[in-house]
Amino acid sequence: MSQYSISIYIVEDDAFYGAMLQHFLSLNPDFEVKKFSSASMLMEALHEKPDVITLDYSLPDATGIDLLEKIKERSPDTKVIVVSGQNDIQTAIDLLKKGAYDYIIKNENTTDHLWITLQNLREHFVMHKELESLKDEVARKYTFKAIIGNSPAMRKVFTLMDKASSSNITVSITGETGTGKELVAKSIHFNSQRKAKAFVAVNVAAIPKDLIESELFGHEKGAFTGAISQRIGKFEEANKGTLFLDEIGELDINLQAKLLRVLQEKEFSRIGSNDIIKTDCRIIVATHKNLLKEVKKGHFREDLYYRILGLPIHLPPLREREHDVLLIAKYVIDQFCKENKLPVKSLSVDAKKLLLLQPFPGNIRQLKSMLELACVMSDSDEISPEHLDIIMPQHIDINDKEHLTLKQYTSRIIQHYLDSNDYDVNKVAALLDVGRSTIYRMITSNELLIPKKSAKPE
């Protein structure tokens, strides 16, 4: 039996006709067929929830309409095809209104008609199963576990994401370019009650100003020059799901008033139409700008700012995520090697230290690009500093422009002294007046990196 087989129950009180249908349909290896001669026998087996039931309209113990209602009540997803000797249009209409999938007349063409209908149904079931499988795969991809990080800053982000997923509150995500704002938005959607519906993303900055209104709200044919057909807007596409407005700070000031009204009233009209369309979509916005500053400059409406603020989630830049860079680096390297059928690779100690010293203005996007290139350039199972497209710093500059914490400066200073003193922990501890146990603890937690042969206390 195929993995895409469908179960078919034949309900027919004519023993010969029922046996004929069963034999005929069983010729298809994708059809798993059972036969029942009465309504009572079918109802006893209905808990098995077959995919399809072919139902004789005239049974000795039930009428076709009564039995159809009972089937749809107990197994609503089962498709019911009524097979009847009555060529009565009103009966067919009544049955279709009650939920019958098709109405087939018993004649010399019955088997052909039934065969075509069942083949179409099988294709429908296959598409449905594949779609559900795809949805499950996407949901797994966008679990919170797909976002790599264990720093205090990211643990706070995970807490806020969990709260956002358990409600329909508007979410505003801020952070520098490349910090993963869309990934966070998708993860919130696919962990929410709306996960079975559409996630629709719109990059406001990528759409010309004169087209953004049509993109969001749609238009009717002839609404403006070039509108050669009706267009469904993103608000309609995202109905019952989530609409993600990326780079919301780039939205034209004149369109902000209309967006505000839609968010407040939950209704809109397509361009060129007066018909009101109700919308029920969850809104997530993202921006790399400080919207409050944009409000003060007059570039962003204050009322819209407070309407979309909702639950704010700020994604920290990579340089403020401590040793998350190494966790992300390992994941990126493992995934790239797997997808490109390359030998498993790892970062050398010096390569790890080099990554930890970088400010990464392009954040995760920059790190990913750098590591993928390094995987290709490395001919061994190790990625060394020369494979990374950055320059190894020769000294620690405390007066640089990076905004580091005291803990990060401390790590850099101790790392610099270890590098300069052949990783002699005793000597560095004495020079800096730091306890050896402190240094070993920082080595164990990957805050400091030294060759493995030097990592053990004497």
Protein backbone atom coordinates (compact mmCIF):
# COMPACT_ATOMS: atom_id res chain seq x y z
CA MET A 1 0.00 0.00 0.00
CA SER A 2 1.32 3.46 -0.94
CA GLN A 3 2.15 5.99 1.78
CA TYR A 4 -0.50 8.15 0.11
CA SER A 5 -3.26 5.54 0.10
CA ILE A 6 -6.80 6.55 1.05
CA SER A 7 -9.34 4.51 2.99
CA ILE A 8 -12.72 4.05 1.27
CA TYR A 9 -15.84 2.59 2.89
CA ILE A 10 -18.55 1.35 0.53
CA VAL A 11 -22.05 1.32 2.03
CA GLU A 12 -24.35 -0.68 -0.27
CA ASP A 13 -27.21 -3.06 0.60
CA ASP A 14 -27.17 -4.68 -2.85
CA ALA A 15 -24.67 -7.48 -2.28
CA PHE A 16 -23.78 -7.92 -5.96
CA TYR A 17 -23.43 -4.18 -6.67
CA GLY A 18 -21.38 -3.65 -3.50
CA ALA A 19 -19.04 -6.54 -4.36
CA MET A 20 -18.60 -5.14 -7.86
CA LEU A 21 -17.67 -1.70 -6.55
CA GLN A 22 -15.27 -3.16 -3.99
CA HIS A 23 -13.48 -5.26 -6.63
CA PHE A 24 -13.34 -2.38 -9.09
CA LEU A 25 -11.91 0.14 -6.62
CA SER A 26 -9.46 -2.41 -5.17
CA LEU A 27 -7.73 -2.50 -8.57
CA ASN A 28 -6.07 0.76 -7.55
CA PRO A 29 -3.23 -0.03 -5.07
CA ASP A 30 -3.72 3.42 -3.52
CA PHE A 31 -7.29 2.60 -2.47
CA GLU A 32 -7.88 0.64 0.75
CA VAL A 33 -11.48 -0.54 0.42
CA LYS A 34 -13.99 -1.98 2.92
CA LYS A 35 -17.66 -2.82 2.31
CA PHE A 36 -20.70 -2.45 4.60
CA SER A 37 -24.25 -3.56 3.83
CA SER A 38 -26.15 -1.35 6.32
CA ALA A 39 -26.05 2.01 8.11
CA SER A 40 -25.69 0.34 11.52
CA MET A 41 -22.60 -1.60 10.40
CA LEU A 42 -21.03 1.60 9.11
CA MET A 43 -21.71 3.53 12.31
CA GLU A 44 -20.00 0.80 14.36
CA ALA A 45 -16.84 1.30 12.30
CA LEU A 46 -17.01 5.08 11.89
CA HIS A 47 -14.60 5.65 14.77
CA GLU A 48 -11.87 4.60 12.32
CA LYS A 49 -12.60 7.86 10.44
CA PRO A 50 -12.17 6.75 6.82
CA ASP A 51 -11.09 9.26 4.19
CA VAL A 52 -14.07 8.59 1.92
CA ILE A 53 -17.49 6.92 2.18
CA THR A 54 -19.52 5.98 -0.90
CA LEU A 55 -23.05 5.97 0.40
CA ASP A 56 -26.07 4.24 -1.13
CA TYR A 57 -28.94 6.72 -0.81
CA SER A 58 -31.60 4.06 -0.16
CA LEU A 59 -30.63 1.80 2.74
CA PRO A 60 -33.07 -0.42 4.67
CA ASP A 61 -32.21 1.07 8.09
CA ALA A 62 -31.57 4.78 7.29
CA THR A 63 -32.27 7.47 4.76
CA GLY A 64 -29.39 9.00 2.85
CA ILE A 65 -29.80 12.46 4.38
CA ASP A 66 -30.10 11.20 7.97
CA LEU A 67 -27.03 9.00 7.62
CA LEU A 68 -25.05 11.79 5.96
CA GLU A 69 -25.80 14.12 8.90
CA LYS A 70 -24.63 11.48 11.40
CA ILE A 71 -21.43 10.86 9.44
CA LYS A 72 -20.56 14.56 9.21
CA GLU A 73 -21.29 14.99 12.92
CA ARG A 74 -19.01 12.17 14.05
CA SER A 75 -16.35 12.35 11.33
CA PRO A 76 -16.50 15.84 9.78
CA ASP A 77 -13.32 15.41 7.68
CA THR A 78 -14.62 12.30 5.91
CA LYS A 79 -15.70 12.98 2.32
CA VAL A 80 -19.09 11.44 1.48
CA ILE A 81 -20.02 10.50 -2.09
CA VAL A 82 -23.69 9.61 -2.45
CA VAL A 83 -24.43 6.90 -5.02
CA SER A 84 -28.13 6.79 -5.85
CA GLY A 85 -30.55 5.34 -8.34
CA GLN A 86 -32.67 8.50 -8.05
CA ASN A 87 -32.03 11.03 -10.78
CA ASP A 88 -33.58 13.85 -8.75
CA ILE A 89 -31.95 17.29 -8.88
CA GLN A 90 -33.56 18.57 -5.65
CA THR A 91 -32.35 15.51 -3.73
CA ALA A 92 -28.84 16.06 -5.04
CA ILE A 93 -28.95 19.74 -4.06
CA ASP A 94 -30.21 18.91 -0.55
CA LEU A 95 -27.43 16.36 -0.04
CA LEU A 96 -24.72 18.71 -1.28
CA LYS A 97 -26.03 21.40 1.08
CA LYS A 98 -25.79 18.89 3.95
CA GLY A 99 -22.13 18.33 3.18
CA ALA A 100 -21.96 15.58 0.53
CA TYR A 101 -18.83 15.86 -1.63
CA ASP A 102 -20.51 14.51 -4.78
CA TYR A 103 -23.76 12.94 -5.99
CA ILE A 104 -23.43 10.12 -8.55
CA ILE A 105 -26.32 8.46 -10.38
CA LYS A 106 -26.29 4.66 -10.71
CA ASN A 107 -26.00 3.95 -14.43
CA GLU A 108 -23.52 2.50 -16.94
CA ASN A 109 -21.08 5.39 -16.23
CA THR A 110 -21.12 5.14 -12.43
CA THR A 111 -17.77 3.40 -12.03
CA ASP A 112 -16.00 5.81 -14.39
CA HIS A 113 -17.48 8.83 -12.61
CA LEU A 114 -16.62 7.36 -9.20
CA TRP A 115 -13.07 6.49 -10.27
CA ILE A 116 -12.38 10.06 -11.46
CA THR A 117 -13.87 11.57 -8.29
CA LEU A 118 -11.79 9.32 -6.04
CA GLN A 119 -8.60 10.05 -7.99
CA ASN A 120 -9.23 13.78 -7.56
CA LEU A 121 -9.88 13.26 -3.86
CA ARG A 122 -6.66 11.29 -3.47
CA GLU A 123 -4.70 14.17 -5.06
CA HIS A 124 -6.46 16.53 -2.65
CA PHE A 125 -5.46 14.35 0.33
CA VAL A 126 -1.87 14.07 -0.90
CA MET A 127 -1.57 17.84 -1.23
CA HIS A 128 -3.13 18.29 2.21
CA LYS A 129 -0.70 15.82 3.82
CA GLU A 130 2.29 17.41 2.10
CA LEU A 131 1.12 20.86 3.18
CA GLU A 132 0.72 19.71 6.78
CA SER A 133 4.16 18.10 6.64
CA LEU A 134 5.61 21.35 5.30
CA LYS A 135 3.90 23.33 8.05
CA ASP A 136 5.34 20.98 10.67
CA GLU A 137 8.80 21.35 9.14
CA VAL A 138 8.52 25.14 9.14
CA ALA A 139 7.25 25.13 12.73
CA ARG A 140 10.23 23.03 13.82
CA LYS A 141 12.59 25.37 11.96
CA TYR A 142 11.25 28.39 13.77
CA THR A 143 11.20 27.09 17.33
CA PHE A 144 12.99 29.26 19.86
CA LYS A 145 15.78 26.65 19.78
CA ALA A 146 16.56 27.80 16.24
CA ILE A 147 17.75 31.11 17.71
CA ILE A 148 21.21 30.45 19.10
CA GLY A 149 22.32 32.20 22.26
CA ASN A 150 22.91 31.81 25.97
CA SER A 151 24.03 35.30 26.98
CA PRO A 152 22.00 37.22 29.60
CA ALA A 153 20.83 39.62 26.88
CA MET A 154 19.43 36.76 24.76
CA ARG A 155 17.84 34.99 27.72
CA LYS A 156 15.84 38.19 28.25
CA VAL A 157 14.83 38.10 24.57
CA PHE A 158 13.65 34.48 24.89
CA THR A 159 11.50 35.41 27.89
CA LEU A 160 9.82 38.22 25.95
CA MET A 161 9.32 35.98 22.89
CA ASP A 162 7.57 33.42 25.07
CA LYS A 163 5.21 36.09 26.41
CA ALA A 164 4.56 37.38 22.89
CA SER A 165 3.73 33.88 21.62
CA SER A 166 1.09 33.32 24.27
CA SER A 167 -0.96 36.38 23.31
CA ASN A 168 -2.02 38.47 20.31
CA ILE A 169 -0.32 41.66 21.48
CA THR A 170 1.42 43.75 18.83
CA VAL A 171 5.18 43.24 18.95
CA SER A 172 7.82 45.81 18.02
CA ILE A 173 11.30 44.41 17.38
CA THR A 174 14.29 46.73 17.33
CA GLY A 175 17.93 46.07 16.66
CA GLU A 176 20.77 46.75 14.29
CA THR A 177 20.78 45.37 10.76
CA GLY A 178 21.61 41.68 10.70
CA THR A 179 20.57 40.85 14.27
CA GLY A 180 17.78 38.48 13.17
CA LYS A 181 14.60 40.51 13.55
CA GLU A 182 12.61 38.55 10.94
CA LEU A 183 13.72 35.23 12.44
CA VAL A 184 12.37 36.35 15.82
CA ALA A 185 9.10 37.46 14.20
CA LYS A 186 8.68 34.09 12.47
CA SER A 187 9.48 32.22 15.66
CA ILE A 188 6.81 34.17 17.56
CA HIS A 189 4.24 33.43 14.83
CA PHE A 190 5.01 29.71 14.56
CA ASN A 191 4.80 29.29 18.32
CA SER A 192 1.49 31.15 18.61
CA GLN A 193 -2.13 30.10 18.16
CA ARG A 194 -1.97 31.55 14.63
CA LYS A 195 0.79 29.19 13.45
CA ALA A 196 -1.54 27.30 11.07
CA LYS A 197 -2.29 30.53 9.18
CA ALA A 198 -0.11 32.68 6.95
CA PHE A 199 2.99 34.60 8.01
CA VAL A 200 3.21 37.52 5.56
CA ALA A 201 6.35 39.68 5.53
CA VAL A 202 6.59 43.13 3.96
CA ASN A 203 9.85 45.06 3.76
CA VAL A 204 8.55 48.62 3.74
CA ALA A 205 11.93 50.02 2.72
CA ALA A 206 12.09 47.83 -0.40
CA ILE A 207 8.79 49.03 -1.91
CA PRO A 208 8.52 52.35 -3.82
CA LYS A 209 6.54 55.00 -1.96
CA ASP A 210 3.81 55.20 -4.61
CA LEU A 211 3.22 51.42 -4.51
CA ILE A 212 3.24 50.68 -0.78
CA GLU A 213 -0.47 51.50 -0.28
CA SER A 214 -1.50 49.04 -2.99
CA GLU A 215 0.92 46.46 -1.55
CA LEU A 216 -0.65 46.69 1.89
CA PHE A 217 -4.33 47.18 1.08
CA GLY A 218 -4.73 45.98 -2.51
CA HIS A 219 -6.54 47.66 -5.38
CA GLU A 220 -9.39 47.14 -7.84
CA LYS A 221 -8.99 46.84 -11.59
CA GLY A 222 -8.71 50.30 -13.12
CA ALA A 223 -8.09 52.03 -9.78
CA PHE A 224 -5.08 53.80 -11.28
CA THR A 225 -2.89 53.67 -14.39
CA GLY A 226 -1.37 50.24 -14.62
CA ALA A 227 -3.99 48.53 -12.42
CA ILE A 228 -4.95 45.98 -15.08
CA SER A 229 -6.47 43.53 -12.59
CA GLN A 230 -7.63 43.29 -9.00
CA ARG A 231 -4.87 42.87 -6.43
CA ILE A 232 -5.17 41.37 -2.96
CA GLY A 233 -3.19 43.32 -0.36
CA LYS A 234 -0.98 41.94 2.38
CA PHE A 235 -3.58 42.67 5.07
CA GLU A 236 -5.98 40.29 3.29
CA GLU A 237 -3.27 37.67 2.75
CA ALA A 238 -2.41 37.73 6.45
CA ASN A 239 -6.01 37.46 7.69
CA LYS A 240 -6.14 35.19 10.78
CA GLY A 241 -2.35 35.00 10.59
CA THR A 242 0.54 37.41 11.18
CA LEU A 243 1.59 40.50 9.20
CA PHE A 244 5.25 41.40 9.67
CA LEU A 245 6.09 45.00 8.70
CA ASP A 246 9.86 45.19 8.49
CA GLU A 247 11.61 48.56 8.52
CA ILE A 248 8.39 50.27 9.61
CA GLY A 249 10.37 53.46 10.23
CA GLU A 250 10.67 53.93 6.45
CA LEU A 251 6.89 54.21 5.96
CA ASP A 252 5.88 57.48 4.28
CA ILE A 253 4.42 59.95 6.77
CA ASN A 254 1.31 60.43 4.62
CA LEU A 255 0.49 56.71 4.69
CA GLN A 256 1.06 56.40 8.43
CA ALA A 257 -2.37 57.90 9.15
CA LYS A 258 -4.12 55.25 7.03
CA LEU A 259 -2.13 52.45 8.67
CA LEU A 260 -3.07 53.80 12.09
CA ARG A 261 -6.77 53.78 11.17
CA VAL A 262 -6.59 50.19 9.91
CA LEU A 263 -4.86 49.05 13.09
CA GLN A 264 -7.48 50.79 15.23
CA GLU A 265 -10.62 49.93 13.28
CA LYS A 266 -9.45 46.53 11.94
CA GLU A 267 -10.99 47.30 8.56
CA PHE A 268 -9.94 48.89 5.27
CA SER A 269 -10.89 49.29 1.62
CA ARG A 270 -8.91 48.42 -1.46
CA ILE A 271 -7.81 51.36 -3.60
CA GLY A 272 -10.64 52.15 -5.99
CA SER A 273 -13.34 50.52 -3.86
CA ASN A 274 -15.72 51.62 -1.11
CA ASP A 275 -16.33 48.08 0.13
CA ILE A 276 -15.22 47.54 3.70
CA ILE A 277 -12.97 44.54 4.35
CA LYS A 278 -12.55 43.30 7.91
CA THR A 279 -9.08 42.20 8.97
CA ASP A 280 -7.93 40.00 11.83
CA CYS A 281 -4.17 39.70 11.65
CA ARG A 282 -1.54 39.90 14.33
CA ILE A 283 0.91 42.77 13.74
CA ILE A 284 4.66 42.50 14.30
CA VAL A 285 6.85 45.43 13.28
CA ALA A 286 10.60 45.82 13.16
CA THR A 287 13.06 48.65 12.65
CA HIS A 288 16.74 49.44 13.06
CA LYS A 289 15.83 53.06 13.85
CA ASN A 290 15.01 54.68 17.17
CA LEU A 291 11.38 55.48 16.46
CA LEU A 292 11.02 57.79 19.45
CA LYS A 293 13.77 59.97 17.99
CA GLU A 294 12.00 59.82 14.63
CA VAL A 295 8.84 61.04 16.37
CA LYS A 296 10.70 64.02 17.84
CA LYS A 297 12.11 64.82 14.39
CA GLY A 298 8.59 64.78 12.94
CA HIS A 299 9.34 61.81 10.69
CA PHE A 300 7.02 59.37 12.47
CA ARG A 301 3.55 59.92 13.92
CA GLU A 302 3.46 59.82 17.70
CA ASP A 303 0.02 58.18 17.80
CA LEU A 304 1.17 55.42 15.43
CA TYR A 305 4.33 54.93 17.50
CA TYR A 306 2.33 54.18 20.64
CA ARG A 307 -0.13 52.02 18.67
CA ILE A 308 2.59 49.69 17.33
CA LEU A 309 4.84 49.74 20.40
CA GLY A 310 2.98 46.85 22.04
CA LEU A 311 5.51 44.44 23.52
CA PRO A 312 8.96 45.82 22.65
CA ILE A 313 11.78 43.33 22.05
CA HIS A 314 15.28 44.69 21.51
CA LEU A 315 17.80 42.40 19.86
CA PRO A 316 21.31 43.12 21.12
CA PRO A 317 24.14 43.45 18.59
CA LEU A 318 26.50 40.50 18.38
CA ARG A 319 29.30 42.43 20.10
CA GLU A 320 27.14 42.65 23.26
CA ARG A 321 26.27 38.95 23.37
CA GLU A 322 29.52 37.77 24.98
CA HIS A 323 30.38 34.24 23.83
CA ASP A 324 27.22 33.68 21.81
CA VAL A 325 29.41 34.35 18.76
CA LEU A 326 31.12 30.96 19.25
CA LEU A 327 27.81 29.12 19.67
CA ILE A 328 26.46 30.73 16.51
CA ALA A 329 29.73 30.07 14.66
CA LYS A 330 29.59 26.34 15.43
CA TYR A 331 25.97 26.12 14.26
CA VAL A 332 26.67 28.01 11.02
CA ILE A 333 29.75 25.90 10.22
CA ASP A 334 27.97 22.61 10.96
CA GLN A 335 24.94 23.57 8.85
CA PHE A 336 27.00 24.85 5.91
CA CYS A 337 29.19 21.74 5.82
CA LYS A 338 26.14 19.48 6.02
CA GLU A 339 24.23 21.31 3.28
CA ASN A 340 27.27 21.39 0.97
CA LYS A 341 28.51 17.87 1.75
CA LEU A 342 31.82 19.14 3.11
CA PRO A 343 33.91 17.40 5.81
CA VAL A 344 33.07 18.56 9.32
CA LYS A 345 35.16 21.59 10.24
CA SER A 346 35.88 23.44 13.47
CA LEU A 347 37.49 26.71 14.51
CA SER A 348 41.06 26.75 15.79
CA VAL A 349 41.77 28.39 19.15
CA ASP A 350 43.27 31.43 17.44
CA ALA A 351 40.28 31.70 15.10
CA LYS A 352 37.93 31.66 18.10
CA LYS A 353 39.91 34.40 19.80
CA LEU A 354 39.86 36.43 16.62
CA LEU A 355 36.08 36.18 16.35
CA LEU A 356 35.63 37.23 19.97
CA LEU A 357 37.60 40.42 19.31
CA GLN A 358 35.50 41.55 16.37
CA PRO A 359 32.82 44.27 16.63
CA PHE A 360 30.75 42.70 13.77
CA PRO A 361 28.94 45.82 12.53
CA GLY A 362 26.93 43.52 10.22
CA ASN A 363 26.08 41.26 13.17
CA ILE A 364 24.94 37.66 12.54
CA ARG A 365 24.55 38.23 8.79
CA GLN A 366 28.20 39.30 8.58
CA LEU A 367 29.38 36.40 10.77
CA LYS A 368 27.46 33.87 8.67
CA SER A 369 28.89 35.19 5.41
CA MET A 370 32.41 35.19 6.83
CA LEU A 371 32.20 31.63 8.13
CA GLU A 372 30.66 30.18 4.98
CA LEU A 373 33.56 31.63 2.97
CA ALA A 374 36.04 30.25 5.53
CA CYS A 375 34.53 26.75 5.18
CA VAL A 376 35.17 26.90 1.45
CA MET A 377 38.68 28.33 1.77
CA SER A 378 39.86 25.83 4.39
CA ASP A 379 41.33 22.64 2.88
CA SER A 380 41.56 20.88 6.24
CA ASP A 381 39.14 20.08 9.05
CA GLU A 382 40.16 23.27 10.88
CA ILE A 383 39.40 26.91 10.19
CA SER A 384 42.36 29.15 11.04
CA PRO A 385 42.63 32.94 11.27
CA GLU A 386 43.96 33.17 7.71
CA HIS A 387 40.67 31.72 6.46
CA LEU A 388 38.70 34.54 8.07
CA ASP A 389 38.28 37.73 6.09
CA ILE A 390 39.42 40.02 8.94
CA ILE A 391 42.70 41.32 10.35
CA MET A 392 44.06 39.88 13.61
CA PRO A 393 44.37 42.67 16.19
CA GLN A 394 47.82 43.04 17.67
CA HIS A 395 46.89 44.80 20.89
CA ILE A 396 44.03 45.74 23.14
CA ASP A 397 42.81 49.32 22.79
CA ILE A 398 40.83 50.31 25.85
CA ASN A 399 40.04 53.69 24.28
CA ASP A 400 38.30 52.22 21.22
CA LYS A 401 34.75 53.19 20.29
CA GLU A 402 33.15 49.85 21.17
CA HIS A 403 30.62 49.88 23.97
CA LEU A 404 31.88 46.99 26.07
CA THR A 405 30.98 45.97 29.59
CA LEU A 406 33.54 45.84 32.38
CA LYS A 407 33.36 42.04 32.20
CA GLN A 408 34.19 42.11 28.49
CA TYR A 409 37.13 44.48 29.03
CA THR A 410 38.39 42.22 31.83
CA SER A 411 38.26 39.18 29.56
CA ARG A 412 40.15 41.00 26.83
CA ILE A 413 42.86 42.19 29.21
CA ILE A 414 43.42 38.72 30.72
CA GLN A 415 43.34 37.14 27.25
CA HIS A 416 45.96 39.64 26.04
CA TYR A 417 48.25 38.83 28.98
CA LEU A 418 47.83 35.09 28.44
CA ASP A 419 48.69 35.44 24.76
CA SER A 420 51.75 37.54 25.61
CA ASN A 421 53.04 35.20 28.37
CA ASP A 422 52.82 31.81 26.67
CA TYR A 423 49.55 31.01 28.51
CA ASP A 424 51.31 30.81 31.88
CA VAL A 425 48.33 31.10 34.22
CA ASN A 426 50.48 31.47 37.36
CA LYS A 427 52.46 34.32 35.84
CA VAL A 428 49.39 36.15 34.54
CA ALA A 429 47.60 35.76 37.87
CA ALA A 430 50.59 37.35 39.63
CA LEU A 431 50.98 40.16 37.07
CA LEU A 432 47.30 41.14 37.24
CA ASP A 433 46.73 40.28 40.89
CA VAL A 434 43.91 37.90 39.88
CA GLY A 435 43.22 34.55 41.51
CA ARG A 436 44.24 31.50 39.45
CA SER A 437 40.83 29.95 40.13
CA THR A 438 39.19 32.97 38.52
CA ILE A 439 41.24 32.51 35.35
CA TYR A 440 40.54 28.76 35.22
CA ARG A 441 36.84 29.42 35.75
CA MET A 442 36.85 31.86 32.82
CA ILE A 443 38.67 29.28 30.68
CA THR A 444 36.10 26.63 31.57
CA SER A 445 33.21 28.95 30.60
CA ASN A 446 34.96 29.91 27.32
CA GLU A 447 35.42 33.51 28.42
CA LEU A 448 39.14 32.92 27.83
CA LEU A 449 40.66 30.76 25.12
CA ILE A 450 44.01 28.99 25.38
CA PRO A 451 45.44 25.87 23.73
CA LYS A 452 44.12 22.74 25.43
CA LYS A 453 47.56 21.58 26.58
CA SER A 454 47.90 24.84 28.55
CA ALA A 455 44.46 24.79 30.09
CA LYS A 456 45.13 22.37 32.93
CA PRO A 457 46.27 23.68 36.31
CA GLU A 458 49.66 22.57 37.50
